[in-house]
Amino acid sequence: MVNELEGILSFLRGAEQLKNTLRTSRTSSGRHESTAEHTWRLCLTILLFEDQYKDIDILKLVKICVVHDLGEAISGDIAAIDQFEGMDKGVDERKDLEVLISPLSETLQNEILALWDEYENASSKEALLAKAFDKLETLLQHTQGKNPKDFNYGFNLTYGKKYTDYDQITSKLRALIDEDTERLAQDNGTI
């Protein structure tokens, strides 16, 4: 039991790096947000829509959201706009996740990897919804953040659309966020 507890503490110490892992998104005060902050608001968003998704296992959805970016604690985040054709960010991120969870019991490792794989492969209703809200949270942050003058708002108008078109709710949220994005893009001269 002591070894298992030590393994959990070791994992949690490693996962703490998500607080230091900065994304390109900026907060309303202008500082870069951390992956941990992104994950927190993603989970908060999920809780707000629980009643609209009676056919979804909300606990599983929250678990998927909690683990979806854990691998970034090792090598950091690569912004969508910086990813290139043929790049498989997921392969490296999964390897990093395996390193991060190595202090955990095999049972916990398998659970976390299964949730992460489900998200990465969009292989369930919960994973698809997690991807939709993950993209929506990012887009929302881009409309709230104090971004640099050359921020590419135009990119956001197509980013993640295949996921945010998950259903009527996510599509309507996307449309509302896109209104703000279009306004910011016009003000910024990026469309």
N, C-alpha and C. Protein backbone atom coordinates (compact mmCIF):
# COMPACT_ATOMS: atom_id res chain seq x y z
N MET A 1 0.82 -1.21 0.00
CA MET A 1 0.00 0.00 0.00
C MET A 1 0.86 1.27 0.00
N VAL A 2 1.95 1.26 0.78
CA VAL A 2 2.82 2.44 0.84
C VAL A 2 3.43 2.71 -0.53
N ASN A 3 3.86 1.66 -1.24
CA ASN A 3 4.44 1.85 -2.57
C ASN A 3 3.42 2.45 -3.54
N GLU A 4 2.17 2.00 -3.43
CA GLU A 4 1.12 2.54 -4.30
C GLU A 4 0.89 4.02 -4.01
N LEU A 5 0.87 4.37 -2.72
CA LEU A 5 0.69 5.77 -2.34
C LEU A 5 1.87 6.63 -2.81
N GLU A 6 3.08 6.09 -2.68
CA GLU A 6 4.25 6.82 -3.16
C GLU A 6 4.19 7.02 -4.67
N GLY A 7 3.71 6.00 -5.39
CA GLY A 7 3.55 6.10 -6.84
C GLY A 7 2.54 7.17 -7.21
N ILE A 8 1.44 7.23 -6.48
CA ILE A 8 0.42 8.25 -6.73
C ILE A 8 0.99 9.64 -6.49
N LEU A 9 1.73 9.80 -5.38
CA LEU A 9 2.34 11.11 -5.11
C LEU A 9 3.36 11.48 -6.18
N SER A 10 4.13 10.52 -6.64
CA SER A 10 5.11 10.78 -7.70
C SER A 10 4.40 11.23 -8.98
N PHE A 11 3.32 10.55 -9.34
CA PHE A 11 2.54 10.93 -10.51
C PHE A 11 1.97 12.35 -10.34
N LEU A 12 1.39 12.62 -9.19
CA LEU A 12 0.80 13.94 -8.95
C LEU A 12 1.86 15.04 -9.01
N ARG A 13 3.06 14.74 -8.54
CA ARG A 13 4.14 15.72 -8.64
C ARG A 13 4.49 16.01 -10.09
N GLY A 14 4.49 14.97 -10.90
CA GLY A 14 4.75 15.15 -12.33
C GLY A 14 3.62 15.89 -13.02
N ALA A 15 2.38 15.55 -12.68
CA ALA A 15 1.21 16.19 -13.29
C ALA A 15 1.13 17.66 -12.93
N GLU A 16 1.75 18.05 -11.83
CA GLU A 16 1.76 19.47 -11.42
C GLU A 16 2.35 20.35 -12.52
N GLN A 17 3.17 19.76 -13.36
CA GLN A 17 3.79 20.54 -14.43
C GLN A 17 2.77 21.13 -15.40
N LEU A 18 1.55 20.57 -15.41
CA LEU A 18 0.51 21.16 -16.26
C LEU A 18 0.18 22.58 -15.84
N LYS A 19 0.46 22.90 -14.57
CA LYS A 19 0.26 24.28 -14.12
C LYS A 19 1.29 25.21 -14.75
N ASN A 20 2.44 24.65 -15.12
CA ASN A 20 3.53 25.42 -15.72
C ASN A 20 3.57 25.31 -17.23
N THR A 21 2.79 24.40 -17.79
CA THR A 21 2.77 24.19 -19.24
C THR A 21 1.89 25.26 -19.87
N LEU A 22 2.52 26.16 -20.59
CA LEU A 22 1.80 27.29 -21.14
C LEU A 22 1.31 26.98 -22.56
N ARG A 23 0.14 27.49 -22.85
CA ARG A 23 -0.47 27.38 -24.17
C ARG A 23 -0.32 28.72 -24.89
N THR A 24 -0.65 28.75 -26.17
CA THR A 24 -0.58 30.04 -26.87
C THR A 24 -1.75 30.93 -26.49
N SER A 25 -2.83 30.34 -25.99
CA SER A 25 -3.98 31.14 -25.55
C SER A 25 -3.57 32.07 -24.41
N ARG A 26 -4.18 33.23 -24.42
CA ARG A 26 -3.90 34.21 -23.37
C ARG A 26 -5.15 34.45 -22.54
N THR A 27 -4.92 34.81 -21.31
CA THR A 27 -6.03 35.15 -20.43
C THR A 27 -6.46 36.58 -20.72
N SER A 28 -7.54 36.99 -20.07
CA SER A 28 -8.02 38.36 -20.28
C SER A 28 -7.03 39.41 -19.77
N SER A 29 -6.10 39.00 -18.91
CA SER A 29 -5.08 39.94 -18.44
C SER A 29 -3.84 39.95 -19.35
N GLY A 30 -3.81 39.02 -20.32
CA GLY A 30 -2.71 39.01 -21.28
C GLY A 30 -1.64 37.96 -21.06
N ARG A 31 -1.67 37.25 -19.94
CA ARG A 31 -0.64 36.23 -19.73
C ARG A 31 -1.08 34.93 -20.40
N HIS A 32 -0.11 34.10 -20.74
CA HIS A 32 -0.43 32.80 -21.32
C HIS A 32 -1.16 31.95 -20.29
N GLU A 33 -2.18 31.23 -20.76
CA GLU A 33 -2.88 30.32 -19.85
C GLU A 33 -2.11 29.01 -19.78
N SER A 34 -2.31 28.28 -18.71
CA SER A 34 -1.67 26.97 -18.58
C SER A 34 -2.62 25.89 -19.07
N THR A 35 -2.06 24.74 -19.36
CA THR A 35 -2.88 23.59 -19.74
C THR A 35 -3.83 23.23 -18.61
N ALA A 36 -3.37 23.36 -17.37
CA ALA A 36 -4.23 23.05 -16.22
C ALA A 36 -5.45 23.98 -16.19
N GLU A 37 -5.26 25.24 -16.50
CA GLU A 37 -6.38 26.19 -16.52
C GLU A 37 -7.36 25.85 -17.63
N HIS A 38 -6.84 25.48 -18.77
CA HIS A 38 -7.70 25.06 -19.89
C HIS A 38 -8.53 23.84 -19.48
N THR A 39 -7.88 22.86 -18.89
CA THR A 39 -8.57 21.63 -18.48
C THR A 39 -9.63 21.92 -17.43
N TRP A 40 -9.32 22.81 -16.49
CA TRP A 40 -10.29 23.17 -15.46
C TRP A 40 -11.56 23.73 -16.09
N ARG A 41 -11.40 24.70 -17.01
CA ARG A 41 -12.61 25.31 -17.57
C ARG A 41 -13.34 24.35 -18.50
N LEU A 42 -12.62 23.46 -19.15
CA LEU A 42 -13.26 22.44 -19.96
C LEU A 42 -14.15 21.56 -19.08
N CYS A 43 -13.63 21.12 -17.94
CA CYS A 43 -14.43 20.30 -17.01
C CYS A 43 -15.61 21.08 -16.44
N LEU A 44 -15.40 22.34 -16.13
CA LEU A 44 -16.49 23.19 -15.65
C LEU A 44 -17.59 23.30 -16.70
N THR A 45 -17.21 23.46 -17.94
CA THR A 45 -18.18 23.54 -19.04
C THR A 45 -19.01 22.27 -19.12
N ILE A 46 -18.35 21.14 -19.02
CA ILE A 46 -19.05 19.84 -19.08
C ILE A 46 -20.11 19.78 -17.99
N LEU A 47 -19.77 20.21 -16.79
CA LEU A 47 -20.72 20.17 -15.68
C LEU A 47 -21.96 21.01 -15.97
N LEU A 48 -21.78 22.12 -16.66
CA LEU A 48 -22.90 23.01 -16.96
C LEU A 48 -23.89 22.41 -17.96
N PHE A 49 -23.43 21.45 -18.73
CA PHE A 49 -24.28 20.85 -19.76
C PHE A 49 -24.74 19.44 -19.42
N GLU A 50 -24.55 19.02 -18.21
CA GLU A 50 -24.91 17.66 -17.81
C GLU A 50 -26.37 17.34 -18.11
N ASP A 51 -27.28 18.25 -17.81
CA ASP A 51 -28.71 17.99 -18.02
C ASP A 51 -29.08 17.86 -19.50
N GLN A 52 -28.29 18.46 -20.38
CA GLN A 52 -28.60 18.39 -21.81
C GLN A 52 -28.12 17.07 -22.44
N TYR A 53 -27.32 16.31 -21.70
CA TYR A 53 -26.74 15.09 -22.26
C TYR A 53 -27.04 13.89 -21.36
N LYS A 54 -28.32 13.56 -21.28
CA LYS A 54 -28.77 12.45 -20.42
C LYS A 54 -28.21 11.10 -20.89
N ASP A 55 -27.91 10.97 -22.18
CA ASP A 55 -27.42 9.70 -22.72
C ASP A 55 -25.90 9.56 -22.62
N ILE A 56 -25.25 10.52 -22.02
CA ILE A 56 -23.79 10.53 -21.89
C ILE A 56 -23.42 10.18 -20.45
N ASP A 57 -22.39 9.37 -20.30
CA ASP A 57 -21.84 9.06 -18.98
C ASP A 57 -20.97 10.26 -18.57
N ILE A 58 -21.53 11.14 -17.76
CA ILE A 58 -20.86 12.40 -17.41
C ILE A 58 -19.56 12.15 -16.65
N LEU A 59 -19.54 11.19 -15.74
CA LEU A 59 -18.29 10.91 -15.02
C LEU A 59 -17.20 10.49 -16.00
N LYS A 60 -17.54 9.61 -16.93
CA LYS A 60 -16.56 9.20 -17.93
C LYS A 60 -16.11 10.39 -18.77
N LEU A 61 -17.03 11.25 -19.15
CA LEU A 61 -16.70 12.44 -19.93
C LEU A 61 -15.74 13.34 -19.17
N VAL A 62 -16.01 13.57 -17.90
CA VAL A 62 -15.11 14.41 -17.08
C VAL A 62 -13.74 13.75 -16.97
N LYS A 63 -13.72 12.44 -16.77
CA LYS A 63 -12.42 11.73 -16.69
C LYS A 63 -11.63 11.90 -17.98
N ILE A 64 -12.32 11.76 -19.11
CA ILE A 64 -11.64 11.94 -20.41
C ILE A 64 -11.07 13.36 -20.49
N CYS A 65 -11.85 14.34 -20.08
CA CYS A 65 -11.38 15.73 -20.12
C CYS A 65 -10.19 15.96 -19.20
N VAL A 66 -10.21 15.34 -18.04
CA VAL A 66 -9.10 15.50 -17.10
C VAL A 66 -7.80 14.93 -17.67
N VAL A 67 -7.87 13.81 -18.37
CA VAL A 67 -6.64 13.16 -18.85
C VAL A 67 -6.23 13.56 -20.27
N HIS A 68 -7.11 14.25 -21.01
CA HIS A 68 -6.84 14.44 -22.44
C HIS A 68 -5.54 15.18 -22.75
N ASP A 69 -5.05 16.04 -21.88
CA ASP A 69 -3.81 16.78 -22.13
C ASP A 69 -2.70 16.45 -21.13
N LEU A 70 -2.85 15.36 -20.37
CA LEU A 70 -1.85 15.03 -19.35
C LEU A 70 -0.44 14.88 -19.91
N GLY A 71 -0.32 14.32 -21.10
CA GLY A 71 1.00 14.13 -21.69
C GLY A 71 1.76 15.42 -21.90
N GLU A 72 1.05 16.53 -21.96
CA GLU A 72 1.70 17.82 -22.16
C GLU A 72 2.55 18.24 -20.96
N ALA A 73 2.40 17.55 -19.83
CA ALA A 73 3.22 17.85 -18.66
C ALA A 73 4.70 17.56 -18.94
N ILE A 74 4.99 16.72 -19.91
CA ILE A 74 6.37 16.35 -20.21
C ILE A 74 6.98 17.26 -21.28
N SER A 75 6.36 17.34 -22.45
CA SER A 75 6.96 18.08 -23.57
C SER A 75 6.22 19.35 -23.95
N GLY A 76 5.16 19.66 -23.25
CA GLY A 76 4.45 20.90 -23.53
C GLY A 76 3.36 20.75 -24.57
N ASP A 77 2.77 21.88 -24.92
CA ASP A 77 1.65 21.94 -25.86
C ASP A 77 2.15 22.42 -27.21
N ILE A 78 1.57 21.87 -28.26
CA ILE A 78 1.83 22.37 -29.61
C ILE A 78 0.50 22.91 -30.11
N ALA A 79 0.45 24.20 -30.30
CA ALA A 79 -0.79 24.85 -30.73
C ALA A 79 -1.24 24.30 -32.08
N ALA A 80 -2.54 24.23 -32.28
CA ALA A 80 -3.10 23.71 -33.53
C ALA A 80 -2.56 24.46 -34.74
N ILE A 81 -2.43 25.75 -34.60
CA ILE A 81 -1.96 26.57 -35.73
C ILE A 81 -0.51 26.27 -36.09
N ASP A 82 0.24 25.70 -35.15
CA ASP A 82 1.65 25.37 -35.39
C ASP A 82 1.86 23.92 -35.84
N GLN A 83 0.79 23.14 -35.88
CA GLN A 83 0.91 21.76 -36.34
C GLN A 83 0.92 21.76 -37.87
N PHE A 84 1.64 20.81 -38.43
CA PHE A 84 1.79 20.77 -39.88
C PHE A 84 1.25 19.47 -40.44
N GLU A 85 1.01 19.48 -41.73
CA GLU A 85 0.47 18.33 -42.45
C GLU A 85 1.34 17.09 -42.18
N GLY A 86 0.72 16.01 -41.82
CA GLY A 86 1.43 14.76 -41.57
C GLY A 86 1.96 14.62 -40.15
N MET A 87 1.88 15.67 -39.37
CA MET A 87 2.36 15.62 -37.99
C MET A 87 1.39 14.78 -37.16
N ASP A 88 1.92 13.90 -36.34
CA ASP A 88 1.07 13.09 -35.46
C ASP A 88 1.42 13.43 -34.02
N LYS A 89 0.89 14.52 -33.56
CA LYS A 89 1.14 15.01 -32.20
C LYS A 89 0.79 13.94 -31.17
N GLY A 90 -0.24 13.15 -31.46
CA GLY A 90 -0.71 12.14 -30.53
C GLY A 90 0.30 11.08 -30.18
N VAL A 91 1.13 10.68 -31.14
CA VAL A 91 2.13 9.63 -30.87
C VAL A 91 3.09 10.09 -29.78
N ASP A 92 3.64 11.28 -29.94
CA ASP A 92 4.58 11.79 -28.94
C ASP A 92 3.89 12.07 -27.60
N GLU A 93 2.68 12.59 -27.68
CA GLU A 93 1.96 12.91 -26.45
C GLU A 93 1.64 11.63 -25.66
N ARG A 94 1.31 10.56 -26.36
CA ARG A 94 1.02 9.29 -25.67
C ARG A 94 2.28 8.74 -25.01
N LYS A 95 3.43 8.84 -25.70
CA LYS A 95 4.70 8.40 -25.10
C LYS A 95 4.99 9.19 -23.83
N ASP A 96 4.75 10.51 -23.89
CA ASP A 96 4.96 11.34 -22.71
C ASP A 96 4.00 10.94 -21.59
N LEU A 97 2.76 10.64 -21.95
CA LEU A 97 1.78 10.21 -20.96
C LEU A 97 2.24 8.91 -20.30
N GLU A 98 2.77 7.98 -21.07
CA GLU A 98 3.25 6.72 -20.51
C GLU A 98 4.37 6.96 -19.49
N VAL A 99 5.24 7.91 -19.77
CA VAL A 99 6.30 8.26 -18.82
C VAL A 99 5.69 8.86 -17.56
N LEU A 100 4.75 9.78 -17.74
CA LEU A 100 4.13 10.47 -16.61
C LEU A 100 3.41 9.50 -15.67
N ILE A 101 2.71 8.53 -16.23
CA ILE A 101 1.91 7.62 -15.40
C ILE A 101 2.69 6.40 -14.92
N SER A 102 3.95 6.28 -15.30
CA SER A 102 4.74 5.08 -14.95
C SER A 102 4.82 4.80 -13.45
N PRO A 103 4.76 5.80 -12.55
CA PRO A 103 4.79 5.47 -11.12
C PRO A 103 3.49 4.83 -10.60
N LEU A 104 2.43 4.90 -11.39
CA LEU A 104 1.13 4.39 -10.93
C LEU A 104 1.04 2.87 -11.07
N SER A 105 0.08 2.31 -10.38
CA SER A 105 -0.17 0.87 -10.50
C SER A 105 -0.59 0.56 -11.93
N GLU A 106 -0.44 -0.67 -12.32
CA GLU A 106 -0.82 -1.08 -13.68
C GLU A 106 -2.30 -0.81 -13.93
N THR A 107 -3.12 -1.01 -12.93
CA THR A 107 -4.56 -0.77 -13.07
C THR A 107 -4.83 0.70 -13.39
N LEU A 108 -4.21 1.61 -12.63
CA LEU A 108 -4.41 3.04 -12.88
C LEU A 108 -3.81 3.46 -14.22
N GLN A 109 -2.66 2.93 -14.56
CA GLN A 109 -2.05 3.23 -15.86
C GLN A 109 -3.00 2.83 -16.98
N ASN A 110 -3.54 1.62 -16.89
CA ASN A 110 -4.44 1.13 -17.94
C ASN A 110 -5.70 1.98 -18.05
N GLU A 111 -6.24 2.41 -16.90
CA GLU A 111 -7.44 3.25 -16.93
C GLU A 111 -7.16 4.58 -17.61
N ILE A 112 -6.06 5.22 -17.23
CA ILE A 112 -5.73 6.53 -17.81
C ILE A 112 -5.44 6.39 -19.30
N LEU A 113 -4.67 5.37 -19.69
CA LEU A 113 -4.37 5.18 -21.11
C LEU A 113 -5.63 4.88 -21.92
N ALA A 114 -6.53 4.10 -21.35
CA ALA A 114 -7.77 3.77 -22.07
C ALA A 114 -8.60 5.04 -22.29
N LEU A 115 -8.68 5.90 -21.29
CA LEU A 115 -9.42 7.16 -21.44
C LEU A 115 -8.75 8.07 -22.46
N TRP A 116 -7.42 8.14 -22.40
CA TRP A 116 -6.69 8.99 -23.33
C TRP A 116 -6.85 8.47 -24.76
N ASP A 117 -6.71 7.16 -24.93
CA ASP A 117 -6.86 6.56 -26.26
C ASP A 117 -8.26 6.79 -26.82
N GLU A 118 -9.24 6.67 -25.95
CA GLU A 118 -10.63 6.90 -26.36
C GLU A 118 -10.80 8.33 -26.89
N TYR A 119 -10.21 9.29 -26.17
CA TYR A 119 -10.25 10.68 -26.62
C TYR A 119 -9.51 10.84 -27.94
N GLU A 120 -8.30 10.35 -27.99
CA GLU A 120 -7.45 10.52 -29.17
C GLU A 120 -8.11 9.93 -30.42
N ASN A 121 -8.75 8.79 -30.25
CA ASN A 121 -9.38 8.10 -31.38
C ASN A 121 -10.84 8.49 -31.59
N ALA A 122 -11.36 9.36 -30.73
CA ALA A 122 -12.76 9.79 -30.81
C ALA A 122 -13.67 8.57 -30.97
N SER A 123 -13.48 7.59 -30.07
CA SER A 123 -14.11 6.28 -30.25
C SER A 123 -15.37 6.06 -29.41
N SER A 124 -15.91 7.12 -28.83
CA SER A 124 -17.15 6.99 -28.07
C SER A 124 -17.90 8.32 -28.12
N LYS A 125 -19.17 8.29 -27.71
CA LYS A 125 -19.95 9.53 -27.63
C LYS A 125 -19.26 10.50 -26.67
N GLU A 126 -18.77 9.97 -25.56
CA GLU A 126 -18.12 10.82 -24.56
C GLU A 126 -16.86 11.47 -25.13
N ALA A 127 -16.07 10.71 -25.87
CA ALA A 127 -14.84 11.24 -26.45
C ALA A 127 -15.14 12.30 -27.50
N LEU A 128 -16.15 12.05 -28.32
CA LEU A 128 -16.52 13.03 -29.34
C LEU A 128 -17.01 14.33 -28.70
N LEU A 129 -17.80 14.21 -27.64
CA LEU A 129 -18.28 15.39 -26.95
C LEU A 129 -17.12 16.11 -26.25
N ALA A 130 -16.18 15.36 -25.69
CA ALA A 130 -14.99 15.97 -25.08
C ALA A 130 -14.22 16.77 -26.12
N LYS A 131 -14.05 16.22 -27.30
CA LYS A 131 -13.35 16.94 -28.36
C LYS A 131 -14.10 18.22 -28.75
N ALA A 132 -15.42 18.11 -28.84
CA ALA A 132 -16.21 19.29 -29.20
C ALA A 132 -16.03 20.40 -28.17
N PHE A 133 -16.19 20.06 -26.89
CA PHE A 133 -16.07 21.09 -25.86
C PHE A 133 -14.62 21.54 -25.66
N ASP A 134 -13.65 20.68 -25.93
CA ASP A 134 -12.25 21.07 -25.87
C ASP A 134 -11.98 22.18 -26.89
N LYS A 135 -12.45 21.99 -28.10
CA LYS A 135 -12.26 23.02 -29.13
C LYS A 135 -13.03 24.29 -28.77
N LEU A 136 -14.26 24.13 -28.28
CA LEU A 136 -15.06 25.31 -27.92
C LEU A 136 -14.41 26.10 -26.80
N GLU A 137 -13.84 25.42 -25.82
CA GLU A 137 -13.17 26.13 -24.72
C GLU A 137 -12.00 26.94 -25.26
N THR A 138 -11.24 26.35 -26.16
CA THR A 138 -10.09 27.04 -26.75
C THR A 138 -10.55 28.27 -27.54
N LEU A 139 -11.57 28.08 -28.36
CA LEU A 139 -12.09 29.20 -29.16
C LEU A 139 -12.62 30.31 -28.26
N LEU A 140 -13.33 29.94 -27.21
CA LEU A 140 -13.85 30.93 -26.28
C LEU A 140 -12.71 31.72 -25.64
N GLN A 141 -11.66 31.01 -25.23
CA GLN A 141 -10.51 31.68 -24.62
C GLN A 141 -9.87 32.66 -25.59
N HIS A 142 -9.82 32.28 -26.86
CA HIS A 142 -9.23 33.18 -27.85
C HIS A 142 -10.06 34.45 -28.03
N THR A 143 -11.36 34.39 -27.74
CA THR A 143 -12.17 35.60 -27.84
C THR A 143 -12.09 36.44 -26.57
N GLN A 144 -11.66 35.85 -25.48
CA GLN A 144 -11.56 36.57 -24.21
C GLN A 144 -10.16 37.06 -23.92
N GLY A 145 -9.18 36.39 -24.52
CA GLY A 145 -7.79 36.69 -24.19
C GLY A 145 -7.32 38.03 -24.74
N LYS A 146 -6.39 38.60 -24.04
CA LYS A 146 -5.72 39.83 -24.51
C LYS A 146 -4.58 39.35 -25.41
N ASN A 147 -4.91 39.19 -26.69
CA ASN A 147 -4.01 38.55 -27.65
C ASN A 147 -3.07 39.56 -28.30
N PRO A 148 -1.94 39.07 -28.84
CA PRO A 148 -1.04 39.97 -29.55
C PRO A 148 -1.72 40.53 -30.81
N LYS A 149 -1.20 41.63 -31.30
CA LYS A 149 -1.81 42.31 -32.45
C LYS A 149 -1.88 41.43 -33.70
N ASP A 150 -0.93 40.52 -33.86
CA ASP A 150 -0.92 39.68 -35.06
C ASP A 150 -1.64 38.35 -34.86
N PHE A 151 -2.46 38.23 -33.82
CA PHE A 151 -3.18 36.98 -33.56
C PHE A 151 -4.08 36.63 -34.74
N ASN A 152 -4.05 35.39 -35.17
CA ASN A 152 -4.78 34.94 -36.35
C ASN A 152 -6.18 34.45 -35.98
N TYR A 153 -7.11 35.37 -35.85
CA TYR A 153 -8.49 35.00 -35.53
C TYR A 153 -9.13 34.23 -36.68
N GLY A 154 -8.72 34.51 -37.91
CA GLY A 154 -9.28 33.83 -39.07
C GLY A 154 -9.12 32.32 -38.98
N PHE A 155 -8.00 31.86 -38.45
CA PHE A 155 -7.75 30.42 -38.28
C PHE A 155 -8.85 29.79 -37.43
N ASN A 156 -9.30 30.52 -36.42
CA ASN A 156 -10.30 29.98 -35.49
C ASN A 156 -11.65 29.73 -36.13
N LEU A 157 -11.92 30.37 -37.24
CA LEU A 157 -13.23 30.22 -37.87
C LEU A 157 -13.43 28.84 -38.50
N THR A 158 -12.35 28.11 -38.71
CA THR A 158 -12.46 26.74 -39.23
C THR A 158 -11.92 25.71 -38.25
N TYR A 159 -11.14 26.15 -37.27
CA TYR A 159 -10.50 25.23 -36.34
C TYR A 159 -11.51 24.34 -35.61
N GLY A 160 -11.29 23.03 -35.69
CA GLY A 160 -12.07 22.07 -34.91
C GLY A 160 -13.52 21.92 -35.31
N LYS A 161 -13.90 22.47 -36.46
CA LYS A 161 -15.31 22.48 -36.85
C LYS A 161 -15.89 21.07 -36.94
N LYS A 162 -15.11 20.11 -37.40
CA LYS A 162 -15.65 18.75 -37.52
C LYS A 162 -16.05 18.19 -36.15
N TYR A 163 -15.45 18.69 -35.10
CA TYR A 163 -15.82 18.24 -33.75
C TYR A 163 -16.92 19.12 -33.15
N THR A 164 -16.83 20.42 -33.37
CA THR A 164 -17.82 21.31 -32.76
C THR A 164 -19.20 21.17 -33.42
N ASP A 165 -19.24 20.54 -34.57
CA ASP A 165 -20.52 20.24 -35.22
C ASP A 165 -21.13 18.95 -34.68
N TYR A 166 -20.72 18.54 -33.49
CA TYR A 166 -21.16 17.29 -32.86
C TYR A 166 -22.68 17.18 -32.81
N ASP A 167 -23.34 18.24 -32.37
CA ASP A 167 -24.80 18.24 -32.26
C ASP A 167 -25.30 19.68 -32.27
N GLN A 168 -26.59 19.83 -32.04
CA GLN A 168 -27.21 21.16 -32.09
C GLN A 168 -26.65 22.10 -31.02
N ILE A 169 -26.42 21.59 -29.84
CA ILE A 169 -25.92 22.43 -28.74
C ILE A 169 -24.53 22.94 -29.06
N THR A 170 -23.63 22.03 -29.42
CA THR A 170 -22.25 22.45 -29.69
C THR A 170 -22.18 23.33 -30.94
N SER A 171 -23.02 23.06 -31.92
CA SER A 171 -23.05 23.90 -33.13
C SER A 171 -23.53 25.31 -32.81
N LYS A 172 -24.53 25.42 -31.96
CA LYS A 172 -25.04 26.75 -31.58
C LYS A 172 -24.01 27.51 -30.74
N LEU A 173 -23.36 26.80 -29.83
CA LEU A 173 -22.29 27.45 -29.05
C LEU A 173 -21.20 27.95 -29.99
N ARG A 174 -20.83 27.12 -30.94
CA ARG A 174 -19.80 27.48 -31.92
C ARG A 174 -20.22 28.74 -32.68
N ALA A 175 -21.48 28.78 -33.11
CA ALA A 175 -21.96 29.93 -33.87
C ALA A 175 -21.87 31.22 -33.05
N LEU A 176 -22.21 31.13 -31.76
CA LEU A 176 -22.12 32.30 -30.89
C LEU A 176 -20.67 32.75 -30.71
N ILE A 177 -19.79 31.79 -30.51
CA ILE A 177 -18.36 32.11 -30.35
C ILE A 177 -17.80 32.66 -31.66
N ASP A 178 -18.23 32.07 -32.78
CA ASP A 178 -17.76 32.54 -34.09
C ASP A 178 -18.15 34.00 -34.35
N GLU A 179 -19.30 34.42 -33.84
CA GLU A 179 -19.69 35.83 -34.00
C GLU A 179 -18.64 36.74 -33.37
N ASP A 180 -18.21 36.39 -32.17
CA ASP A 180 -17.16 37.18 -31.51
C ASP A 180 -15.84 37.08 -32.27
N THR A 181 -15.52 35.87 -32.73
CA THR A 181 -14.28 35.66 -33.47
C THR A 181 -14.26 36.49 -34.75
N GLU A 182 -15.37 36.50 -35.48
CA GLU A 182 -15.45 37.29 -36.72
C GLU A 182 -15.27 38.78 -36.44
N ARG A 183 -15.89 39.25 -35.39
CA ARG A 183 -15.73 40.66 -35.02
C ARG A 183 -14.27 40.97 -34.71
N LEU A 184 -13.64 40.10 -33.92
CA LEU A 184 -12.23 40.31 -33.58
C LEU A 184 -11.33 40.20 -34.80
N ALA A 185 -11.65 39.27 -35.70
CA ALA A 185 -10.87 39.11 -36.92
C ALA A 185 -10.96 40.35 -37.81
N GLN A 186 -12.16 40.90 -37.91
CA GLN A 186 -12.34 42.13 -38.71
C GLN A 186 -11.61 43.30 -38.08
N ASP A 187 -11.72 43.42 -36.76
CA ASP A 187 -11.01 44.49 -36.05
C ASP A 187 -9.50 44.34 -36.20
N ASN A 188 -9.05 43.09 -36.28
CA ASN A 188 -7.62 42.78 -36.34
C ASN A 188 -7.10 42.72 -37.78
N GLY A 189 -8.02 42.70 -38.74
CA GLY A 189 -7.63 42.64 -40.15
C GLY A 189 -7.15 41.28 -40.60
N THR A 190 -7.59 40.20 -39.91
CA THR A 190 -7.15 38.86 -40.31
C THR A 190 -8.17 38.15 -41.20
N ILE A 191 -9.30 38.80 -41.49
CA ILE A 191 -10.21 38.29 -42.53
C ILE A 191 -10.76 39.46 -43.32
